[in-house]
């Protein structure tokens, strides 16, 4: 038998531990189920043609949106926008 060690955030650990306690299963059972059903999935293997087609689909969207602000793509502006959103309660004034 092999032992595998993985890292999960404290939040994920607490949720999985709570599910294990509530359902009477071991933490390891719940963790494995989460990993298989909900956790990240491996990326599918693409042929060269599929990869080219995917890139072409992505390129069609390049420049598709104009915010009207020539600085909207600047890292500093993006940081300010993100900070504003993170600090917002999103409640109507």
PDB file of N, CA and C in Angstrom:
ATOM      1  N   UNK A   1       0.847  -1.176   0.000  1.00  0.00           N
ATOM      2  CA  UNK A   1       0.000   0.000   0.000  1.00  0.00           C
ATOM      3  C   UNK A   1       0.892   1.239   0.000  1.00  0.00           C
ATOM      4  N   UNK A   2       0.471   2.256  -0.717  1.00  0.00           N
ATOM      5  CA  UNK A   2       1.214   3.507  -0.821  1.00  0.00           C
ATOM      6  C   UNK A   2       0.504   4.599  -0.024  1.00  0.00           C
ATOM      7  N   UNK A   3       1.278   5.542   0.475  1.00  0.00           N
ATOM      8  CA  UNK A   3       0.739   6.712   1.160  1.00  0.00           C
ATOM      9  C   UNK A   3       0.931   7.919   0.262  1.00  0.00           C
ATOM     10  N   UNK A   4      -0.133   8.698   0.107  1.00  0.00           N
ATOM     11  CA  UNK A   4      -0.088   9.896  -0.717  1.00  0.00           C
ATOM     12  C   UNK A   4      -0.411  11.087   0.172  1.00  0.00           C
ATOM     13  N   UNK A   5       0.393  12.130   0.075  1.00  0.00           N
ATOM     14  CA  UNK A   5       0.168  13.342   0.849  1.00  0.00           C
ATOM     15  C   UNK A   5      -0.231  14.460  -0.093  1.00  0.00           C
ATOM     16  N   UNK A   6      -1.349  15.128   0.207  1.00  0.00           N
ATOM     17  CA  UNK A   6      -1.768  16.270  -0.593  1.00  0.00           C
ATOM     18  C   UNK A   6      -2.029  17.450   0.326  1.00  0.00           C
ATOM     19  N   UNK A   7      -1.990  18.632  -0.245  1.00  0.00           N
ATOM     20  CA  UNK A   7      -2.306  19.836   0.511  1.00  0.00           C
ATOM     21  C   UNK A   7      -3.628  20.385   0.026  1.00  0.00           C
ATOM     22  N   UNK A   8      -4.502  20.759   0.976  1.00  0.00           N
ATOM     23  CA  UNK A   8      -5.750  21.438   0.674  1.00  0.00           C
ATOM     24  C   UNK A   8      -5.830  22.653   1.584  1.00  0.00           C
ATOM     25  N   UNK A   9      -6.612  23.634   1.157  1.00  0.00           N
ATOM     26  CA  UNK A   9      -6.762  24.830   1.984  1.00  0.00           C
ATOM     27  C   UNK A   9      -7.468  24.478   3.285  1.00  0.00           C
ATOM     28  N   UNK A  10      -7.316  25.334   4.288  1.00  0.00           N
ATOM     29  CA  UNK A  10      -7.998  25.117   5.566  1.00  0.00           C
ATOM     30  C   UNK A  10      -9.505  25.033   5.366  1.00  0.00           C
ATOM     31  N   UNK A  11     -10.026  25.866   4.475  1.00  0.00           N
ATOM     32  CA  UNK A  11     -11.469  25.891   4.233  1.00  0.00           C
ATOM     33  C   UNK A  11     -11.952  24.560   3.668  1.00  0.00           C
ATOM     34  N   UNK A  12     -11.227  24.030   2.672  1.00  0.00           N
ATOM     35  CA  UNK A  12     -11.603  22.744   2.079  1.00  0.00           C
ATOM     36  C   UNK A  12     -11.504  21.648   3.124  1.00  0.00           C
ATOM     37  N   UNK A  13     -10.456  21.662   3.926  1.00  0.00           N
ATOM     38  CA  UNK A  13     -10.283  20.653   4.966  1.00  0.00           C
ATOM     39  C   UNK A  13     -11.463  20.659   5.930  1.00  0.00           C
ATOM     40  N   UNK A  14     -11.846  21.856   6.380  1.00  0.00           N
ATOM     41  CA  UNK A  14     -12.944  21.963   7.339  1.00  0.00           C
ATOM     42  C   UNK A  14     -14.259  21.447   6.746  1.00  0.00           C
ATOM     43  N   UNK A  15     -14.525  21.791   5.484  1.00  0.00           N
ATOM     44  CA  UNK A  15     -15.748  21.318   4.837  1.00  0.00           C
ATOM     45  C   UNK A  15     -15.738  19.795   4.721  1.00  0.00           C
ATOM     46  N   UNK A  16     -14.631  19.239   4.248  1.00  0.00           N
ATOM     47  CA  UNK A  16     -14.550  17.786   4.075  1.00  0.00           C
ATOM     48  C   UNK A  16     -14.618  17.064   5.417  1.00  0.00           C
ATOM     49  N   UNK A  17     -13.988  17.619   6.427  1.00  0.00           N
ATOM     50  CA  UNK A  17     -14.037  17.004   7.764  1.00  0.00           C
ATOM     51  C   UNK A  17     -15.465  17.040   8.297  1.00  0.00           C
ATOM     52  N   UNK A  18     -16.172  18.138   8.057  1.00  0.00           N
ATOM     53  CA  UNK A  18     -17.564  18.233   8.483  1.00  0.00           C
ATOM     54  C   UNK A  18     -18.441  17.203   7.789  1.00  0.00           C
ATOM     55  N   UNK A  19     -18.233  17.022   6.496  1.00  0.00           N
ATOM     56  CA  UNK A  19     -19.002  16.013   5.754  1.00  0.00           C
ATOM     57  C   UNK A  19     -18.711  14.622   6.291  1.00  0.00           C
ATOM     58  N   UNK A  20     -17.441  14.347   6.565  1.00  0.00           N
ATOM     59  CA  UNK A  20     -17.062  13.033   7.091  1.00  0.00           C
ATOM     60  C   UNK A  20     -17.747  12.774   8.431  1.00  0.00           C
ATOM     61  N   UNK A  21     -17.740  13.763   9.296  1.00  0.00           N
ATOM     62  CA  UNK A  21     -18.368  13.620  10.611  1.00  0.00           C
ATOM     63  C   UNK A  21     -19.869  13.407  10.473  1.00  0.00           C
ATOM     64  N   UNK A  22     -20.514  14.213   9.647  1.00  0.00           N
ATOM     65  CA  UNK A  22     -21.974  14.123   9.482  1.00  0.00           C
ATOM     66  C   UNK A  22     -22.415  12.814   8.838  1.00  0.00           C
ATOM     67  N   UNK A  23     -21.592  12.275   7.939  1.00  0.00           N
ATOM     68  CA  UNK A  23     -21.992  11.071   7.204  1.00  0.00           C
ATOM     69  C   UNK A  23     -21.425   9.785   7.801  1.00  0.00           C
ATOM     70  N   UNK A  24     -20.599   9.915   8.830  1.00  0.00           N
ATOM     71  CA  UNK A  24     -20.038   8.732   9.470  1.00  0.00           C
ATOM     72  C   UNK A  24     -18.980   8.030   8.645  1.00  0.00           C
ATOM     73  N   UNK A  25     -18.409   8.756   7.680  1.00  0.00           N
ATOM     74  CA  UNK A  25     -17.350   8.179   6.856  1.00  0.00           C
ATOM     75  C   UNK A  25     -16.008   8.738   7.304  1.00  0.00           C
ATOM     76  N   UNK A  26     -14.946   8.107   6.837  1.00  0.00           N
ATOM     77  CA  UNK A  26     -13.616   8.610   7.173  1.00  0.00           C
ATOM     78  C   UNK A  26     -13.301   9.849   6.331  1.00  0.00           C
ATOM     79  N   UNK A  27     -12.424  10.668   6.853  1.00  0.00           N
ATOM     80  CA  UNK A  27     -11.990  11.843   6.114  1.00  0.00           C
ATOM     81  C   UNK A  27     -11.402  11.426   4.770  1.00  0.00           C
ATOM     82  N   UNK A  28     -10.648  10.344   4.760  1.00  0.00           N
ATOM     83  CA  UNK A  28     -10.007   9.877   3.543  1.00  0.00           C
ATOM     84  C   UNK A  28     -11.035   9.487   2.480  1.00  0.00           C
ATOM     85  N   UNK A  29     -12.124   8.847   2.895  1.00  0.00           N
ATOM     86  CA  UNK A  29     -13.177   8.491   1.938  1.00  0.00           C
ATOM     87  C   UNK A  29     -13.788   9.741   1.302  1.00  0.00           C
ATOM     88  N   UNK A  30     -14.085  10.720   2.158  1.00  0.00           N
ATOM     89  CA  UNK A  30     -14.705  11.955   1.664  1.00  0.00           C
ATOM     90  C   UNK A  30     -13.728  12.704   0.761  1.00  0.00           C
ATOM     91  N   UNK A  31     -12.472  12.752   1.147  1.00  0.00           N
ATOM     92  CA  UNK A  31     -11.456  13.425   0.344  1.00  0.00           C
ATOM     93  C   UNK A  31     -11.327  12.773  -1.032  1.00  0.00           C
ATOM     94  N   UNK A  32     -11.286  11.457  -1.068  1.00  0.00           N
ATOM     95  CA  UNK A  32     -11.168  10.757  -2.347  1.00  0.00           C
ATOM     96  C   UNK A  32     -12.388  11.024  -3.216  1.00  0.00           C
ATOM     97  N   UNK A  33     -13.580  10.977  -2.614  1.00  0.00           N
ATOM     98  CA  UNK A  33     -14.797  11.259  -3.378  1.00  0.00           C
ATOM     99  C   UNK A  33     -14.756  12.680  -3.940  1.00  0.00           C
ATOM    100  N   UNK A  34     -14.357  13.641  -3.118  1.00  0.00           N
ATOM    101  CA  UNK A  34     -14.251  15.043  -3.573  1.00  0.00           C
ATOM    102  C   UNK A  34     -13.258  15.145  -4.721  1.00  0.00           C
ATOM    103  N   UNK A  35     -12.137  14.494  -4.582  1.00  0.00           N
ATOM    104  CA  UNK A  35     -11.099  14.579  -5.612  1.00  0.00           C
ATOM    105  C   UNK A  35     -11.593  14.019  -6.939  1.00  0.00           C
ATOM    106  N   UNK A  36     -12.313  12.914  -6.876  1.00  0.00           N
ATOM    107  CA  UNK A  36     -12.790  12.274  -8.102  1.00  0.00           C
ATOM    108  C   UNK A  36     -13.944  13.051  -8.724  1.00  0.00           C
ATOM    109  N   UNK A  37     -14.904  13.491  -7.903  1.00  0.00           N
ATOM    110  CA  UNK A  37     -16.113  14.109  -8.433  1.00  0.00           C
ATOM    111  C   UNK A  37     -15.999  15.617  -8.639  1.00  0.00           C
ATOM    112  N   UNK A  38     -15.328  16.305  -7.732  1.00  0.00           N
ATOM    113  CA  UNK A  38     -15.368  17.763  -7.742  1.00  0.00           C
ATOM    114  C   UNK A  38     -14.003  18.389  -8.015  1.00  0.00           C
ATOM    115  N   UNK A  39     -12.961  17.729  -7.637  1.00  0.00           N
ATOM    116  CA  UNK A  39     -11.626  18.298  -7.749  1.00  0.00           C
ATOM    117  C   UNK A  39     -11.213  18.542  -9.189  1.00  0.00           C
ATOM    118  N   UNK A  40     -10.061  19.170  -9.353  1.00  0.00           N
ATOM    119  CA  UNK A  40      -9.587  19.476 -10.707  1.00  0.00           C
ATOM    120  C   UNK A  40      -9.423  18.214 -11.546  1.00  0.00           C
ATOM    121  N   UNK A  41      -9.743  18.342 -12.797  1.00  0.00           N
ATOM    122  CA  UNK A  41      -9.638  17.224 -13.733  1.00  0.00           C
ATOM    123  C   UNK A  41      -8.411  17.430 -14.627  1.00  0.00           C
ATOM    124  N   UNK A  42      -7.785  16.341 -15.046  1.00  0.00           N
ATOM    125  CA  UNK A  42      -6.656  16.498 -15.962  1.00  0.00           C
ATOM    126  C   UNK A  42      -7.139  17.064 -17.298  1.00  0.00           C
ATOM    127  N   UNK A  43      -6.297  17.864 -17.899  1.00  0.00           N
ATOM    128  CA  UNK A  43      -6.640  18.433 -19.199  1.00  0.00           C
ATOM    129  C   UNK A  43      -6.625  17.340 -20.254  1.00  0.00           C
ATOM    130  N   UNK A  44      -7.599  17.385 -21.155  1.00  0.00           N
ATOM    131  CA  UNK A  44      -7.623  16.355 -22.203  1.00  0.00           C
ATOM    132  C   UNK A  44      -6.444  16.526 -23.155  1.00  0.00           C
ATOM    133  N   UNK A  45      -5.975  15.429 -23.685  1.00  0.00           N
ATOM    134  CA  UNK A  45      -4.908  15.467 -24.675  1.00  0.00           C
ATOM    135  C   UNK A  45      -5.500  15.901 -26.005  1.00  0.00           C
ATOM    136  N   UNK A  46      -4.922  16.915 -26.614  1.00  0.00           N
ATOM    137  CA  UNK A  46      -5.409  17.425 -27.893  1.00  0.00           C
ATOM    138  C   UNK A  46      -4.421  17.100 -28.993  1.00  0.00           C
ATOM    139  N   UNK A  47      -4.954  16.850 -30.159  1.00  0.00           N
ATOM    140  CA  UNK A  47      -4.080  16.690 -31.318  1.00  0.00           C
ATOM    141  C   UNK A  47      -3.583  18.068 -31.722  1.00  0.00           C
ATOM    142  N   UNK A  48      -2.595  18.122 -32.571  1.00  0.00           N
ATOM    143  CA  UNK A  48      -2.091  19.416 -33.048  1.00  0.00           C
ATOM    144  C   UNK A  48      -3.203  20.205 -33.730  1.00  0.00           C
ATOM    145  N   UNK A  49      -4.041  19.520 -34.495  1.00  0.00           N
ATOM    146  CA  UNK A  49      -5.143  20.192 -35.190  1.00  0.00           C
ATOM    147  C   UNK A  49      -6.164  20.745 -34.201  1.00  0.00           C
ATOM    148  N   UNK A  50      -6.491  19.986 -33.173  1.00  0.00           N
ATOM    149  CA  UNK A  50      -7.436  20.472 -32.151  1.00  0.00           C
ATOM    150  C   UNK A  50      -6.859  21.681 -31.409  1.00  0.00           C
ATOM    151  N   UNK A  51      -5.561  21.642 -31.128  1.00  0.00           N
ATOM    152  CA  UNK A  51      -4.896  22.756 -30.442  1.00  0.00           C
ATOM    153  C   UNK A  51      -4.920  24.010 -31.316  1.00  0.00           C
ATOM    154  N   UNK A  52      -4.641  23.859 -32.614  1.00  0.00           N
ATOM    155  CA  UNK A  52      -4.683  25.010 -33.544  1.00  0.00           C
ATOM    156  C   UNK A  52      -6.098  25.576 -33.631  1.00  0.00           C
ATOM    157  N   UNK A  53      -7.083  24.708 -33.698  1.00  0.00           N
ATOM    158  CA  UNK A  53      -8.473  25.163 -33.772  1.00  0.00           C
ATOM    159  C   UNK A  53      -8.866  25.914 -32.501  1.00  0.00           C
ATOM    160  N   UNK A  54      -8.435  25.427 -31.354  1.00  0.00           N
ATOM    161  CA  UNK A  54      -8.742  26.102 -30.090  1.00  0.00           C
ATOM    162  C   UNK A  54      -8.095  27.481 -30.040  1.00  0.00           C
ATOM    163  N   UNK A  55      -6.841  27.575 -30.470  1.00  0.00           N
ATOM    164  CA  UNK A  55      -6.166  28.880 -30.500  1.00  0.00           C
ATOM    165  C   UNK A  55      -6.886  29.849 -31.428  1.00  0.00           C
ATOM    166  N   UNK A  56      -7.338  29.347 -32.573  1.00  0.00           N
ATOM    167  CA  UNK A  56      -8.048  30.198 -33.525  1.00  0.00           C
ATOM    168  C   UNK A  56      -9.361  30.695 -32.929  1.00  0.00           C
ATOM    169  N   UNK A  57     -10.073  29.833 -32.222  1.00  0.00           N
ATOM    170  CA  UNK A  57     -11.319  30.268 -31.571  1.00  0.00           C
ATOM    171  C   UNK A  57     -11.026  31.351 -30.541  1.00  0.00           C
ATOM    172  N   UNK A  58      -9.950  31.199 -29.802  1.00  0.00           N
ATOM    173  CA  UNK A  58      -9.564  32.205 -28.809  1.00  0.00           C
ATOM    174  C   UNK A  58      -9.175  33.516 -29.476  1.00  0.00           C
ATOM    175  N   UNK A  59      -8.428  33.443 -30.562  1.00  0.00           N
ATOM    176  CA  UNK A  59      -7.978  34.657 -31.259  1.00  0.00           C
ATOM    177  C   UNK A  59      -9.142  35.490 -31.789  1.00  0.00           C
ATOM    178  N   UNK A  60     -10.246  34.832 -32.135  1.00  0.00           N
ATOM    179  CA  UNK A  60     -11.409  35.570 -32.643  1.00  0.00           C
ATOM    180  C   UNK A  60     -11.955  36.555 -31.626  1.00  0.00           C
ATOM    181  N   UNK A  61     -11.688  36.322 -30.344  1.00  0.00           N
ATOM    182  CA  UNK A  61     -12.191  37.211 -29.300  1.00  0.00           C
ATOM    183  C   UNK A  61     -11.203  38.324 -28.945  1.00  0.00           C
ATOM    184  N   UNK A  62      -9.979  38.236 -29.430  1.00  0.00           N
ATOM    185  CA  UNK A  62      -8.983  39.271 -29.132  1.00  0.00           C
ATOM    186  C   UNK A  62      -9.467  40.610 -29.664  1.00  0.00           C
ATOM    187  N   UNK A  63      -9.524  41.597 -28.779  1.00  0.00           N
ATOM    188  CA  UNK A  63      -9.951  42.928 -29.168  1.00  0.00           C
ATOM    189  C   UNK A  63     -11.444  43.061 -29.387  1.00  0.00           C
ATOM    190  N   UNK A  64     -12.218  42.066 -28.988  1.00  0.00           N
ATOM    191  CA  UNK A  64     -13.663  42.094 -29.231  1.00  0.00           C
ATOM    192  C   UNK A  64     -14.389  43.093 -28.338  1.00  0.00           C
ATOM    193  N   UNK A  65     -13.766  43.488 -27.225  1.00  0.00           N
ATOM    194  CA  UNK A  65     -14.408  44.406 -26.288  1.00  0.00           C
ATOM    195  C   UNK A  65     -13.564  45.662 -26.170  1.00  0.00           C
ATOM    196  N   UNK A  66     -14.227  46.794 -26.232  1.00  0.00           N
ATOM    197  CA  UNK A  66     -13.552  48.071 -26.039  1.00  0.00           C
ATOM    198  C   UNK A  66     -14.194  48.755 -24.852  1.00  0.00           C
ATOM    199  N   UNK A  67     -13.434  48.927 -23.769  1.00  0.00           N
ATOM    200  CA  UNK A  67     -13.975  49.534 -22.553  1.00  0.00           C
ATOM    201  C   UNK A  67     -14.114  51.047 -22.683  1.00  0.00           C
ATOM    202  N   UNK A  68     -13.458  51.610 -23.695  1.00  0.00           N
ATOM    203  CA  UNK A  68     -13.473  53.057 -23.834  1.00  0.00           C
ATOM    204  C   UNK A  68     -12.385  53.727 -23.011  1.00  0.00           C
ATOM    205  N   UNK A  69     -11.695  52.957 -22.187  1.00  0.00           N
ATOM    206  CA  UNK A  69     -10.619  53.489 -21.347  1.00  0.00           C
ATOM    207  C   UNK A  69      -9.301  52.925 -21.865  1.00  0.00           C
ATOM    208  N   UNK A  70      -8.423  53.799 -22.395  1.00  0.00           N
ATOM    209  CA  UNK A  70      -7.168  53.276 -22.951  1.00  0.00           C
ATOM    210  C   UNK A  70      -6.250  52.661 -21.901  1.00  0.00           C
ATOM    211  N   UNK A  71      -6.552  52.856 -20.622  1.00  0.00           N
ATOM    212  CA  UNK A  71      -5.706  52.315 -19.549  1.00  0.00           C
ATOM    213  C   UNK A  71      -6.344  51.123 -18.846  1.00  0.00           C
ATOM    214  N   UNK A  72      -7.485  50.630 -19.350  1.00  0.00           N
ATOM    215  CA  UNK A  72      -8.197  49.559 -18.647  1.00  0.00           C
ATOM    216  C   UNK A  72      -7.407  48.254 -18.589  1.00  0.00           C
ATOM    217  N   UNK A  73      -6.455  48.076 -19.476  1.00  0.00           N
ATOM    218  CA  UNK A  73      -5.650  46.861 -19.479  1.00  0.00           C
ATOM    219  C   UNK A  73      -4.344  46.988 -18.714  1.00  0.00           C
ATOM    220  N   UNK A  74      -4.082  48.165 -18.138  1.00  0.00           N
ATOM    221  CA  UNK A  74      -2.864  48.364 -17.355  1.00  0.00           C
ATOM    222  C   UNK A  74      -2.957  47.574 -16.049  1.00  0.00           C
ATOM    223  N   UNK A  75      -1.875  46.965 -15.638  1.00  0.00           N
ATOM    224  CA  UNK A  75      -1.887  46.178 -14.403  1.00  0.00           C
ATOM    225  C   UNK A  75      -2.323  47.006 -13.206  1.00  0.00           C
ATOM    226  N   UNK A  76      -1.863  48.254 -13.132  1.00  0.00           N
ATOM    227  CA  UNK A  76      -2.237  49.103 -12.000  1.00  0.00           C
ATOM    228  C   UNK A  76      -3.748  49.348 -11.992  1.00  0.00           C
ATOM    229  N   UNK A  77      -4.329  49.575 -13.167  1.00  0.00           N
ATOM    230  CA  UNK A  77      -5.769  49.803 -13.247  1.00  0.00           C
ATOM    231  C   UNK A  77      -6.528  48.531 -12.894  1.00  0.00           C
ATOM    232  N   UNK A  78      -6.037  47.410 -13.361  1.00  0.00           N
ATOM    233  CA  UNK A  78      -6.679  46.136 -13.031  1.00  0.00           C
ATOM    234  C   UNK A  78      -6.643  45.915 -11.530  1.00  0.00           C
ATOM    235  N   UNK A  79      -5.495  46.185 -10.896  1.00  0.00           N
ATOM    236  CA  UNK A  79      -5.385  46.043  -9.442  1.00  0.00           C
ATOM    237  C   UNK A  79      -6.387  46.942  -8.726  1.00  0.00           C
ATOM    238  N   UNK A  80      -6.533  48.188  -9.175  1.00  0.00           N
ATOM    239  CA  UNK A  80      -7.494  49.112  -8.556  1.00  0.00           C
ATOM    240  C   UNK A  80      -8.923  48.592  -8.740  1.00  0.00           C
ATOM    241  N   UNK A  81      -9.238  48.116  -9.934  1.00  0.00           N
ATOM    242  CA  UNK A  81     -10.575  47.591 -10.196  1.00  0.00           C
ATOM    243  C   UNK A  81     -10.877  46.377  -9.313  1.00  0.00           C
ATOM    244  N   UNK A  82      -9.902  45.477  -9.202  1.00  0.00           N
ATOM    245  CA  UNK A  82     -10.101  44.298  -8.356  1.00  0.00           C
ATOM    246  C   UNK A  82     -10.272  44.688  -6.889  1.00  0.00           C
ATOM    247  N   UNK A  83      -9.449  45.613  -6.424  1.00  0.00           N
ATOM    248  CA  UNK A  83      -9.558  46.067  -5.036  1.00  0.00           C
ATOM    249  C   UNK A  83     -10.940  46.662  -4.781  1.00  0.00           C
ATOM    250  N   UNK A  84     -11.427  47.457  -5.723  1.00  0.00           N
ATOM    251  CA  UNK A  84     -12.748  48.063  -5.577  1.00  0.00           C
ATOM    252  C   UNK A  84     -13.832  46.979  -5.493  1.00  0.00           C
ATOM    253  N   UNK A  85     -13.723  45.964  -6.332  1.00  0.00           N
ATOM    254  CA  UNK A  85     -14.714  44.884  -6.304  1.00  0.00           C
ATOM    255  C   UNK A  85     -14.623  44.060  -5.025  1.00  0.00           C
ATOM    256  N   UNK A  86     -13.391  43.760  -4.584  1.00  0.00           N
ATOM    257  CA  UNK A  86     -13.241  42.976  -3.361  1.00  0.00           C
ATOM    258  C   UNK A  86     -13.796  43.713  -2.150  1.00  0.00           C
ATOM    259  N   UNK A  87     -13.680  45.032  -2.141  1.00  0.00           N
ATOM    260  CA  UNK A  87     -14.149  45.830  -1.014  1.00  0.00           C
ATOM    261  C   UNK A  87     -15.631  46.159  -1.100  1.00  0.00           C
ATOM    262  N   UNK A  88     -16.259  45.862  -2.200  1.00  0.00           N
ATOM    263  CA  UNK A  88     -17.670  46.187  -2.397  1.00  0.00           C
ATOM    264  C   UNK A  88     -18.550  45.127  -1.762  1.00  0.00           C
ATOM    265  N   UNK A  89     -19.662  45.577  -1.161  1.00  0.00           N
ATOM    266  CA  UNK A  89     -20.635  44.639  -0.610  1.00  0.00           C
ATOM    267  C   UNK A  89     -21.636  44.230  -1.680  1.00  0.00           C
ATOM    268  N   UNK A  90     -21.602  44.909  -2.821  1.00  0.00           N
ATOM    269  CA  UNK A  90     -22.515  44.652  -3.935  1.00  0.00           C
ATOM    270  C   UNK A  90     -23.980  44.848  -3.538  1.00  0.00           C
ATOM    271  N   UNK A  91     -24.185  45.707  -2.536  1.00  0.00           N
ATOM    272  CA  UNK A  91     -25.548  46.038  -2.134  1.00  0.00           C
ATOM    273  C   UNK A  91     -25.951  47.339  -2.804  1.00  0.00           C
ATOM    274  N   UNK A  92     -27.239  47.454  -3.089  1.00  0.00           N
ATOM    275  CA  UNK A  92     -27.760  48.689  -3.694  1.00  0.00           C
ATOM    276  C   UNK A  92     -27.611  49.826  -2.686  1.00  0.00           C
ATOM    277  N   UNK A  93     -27.240  50.984  -3.174  1.00  0.00           N
ATOM    278  CA  UNK A  93     -27.129  52.149  -2.269  1.00  0.00           C
ATOM    279  C   UNK A  93     -28.479  52.742  -1.973  1.00  0.00           C
TER     280      UNK A  93
END
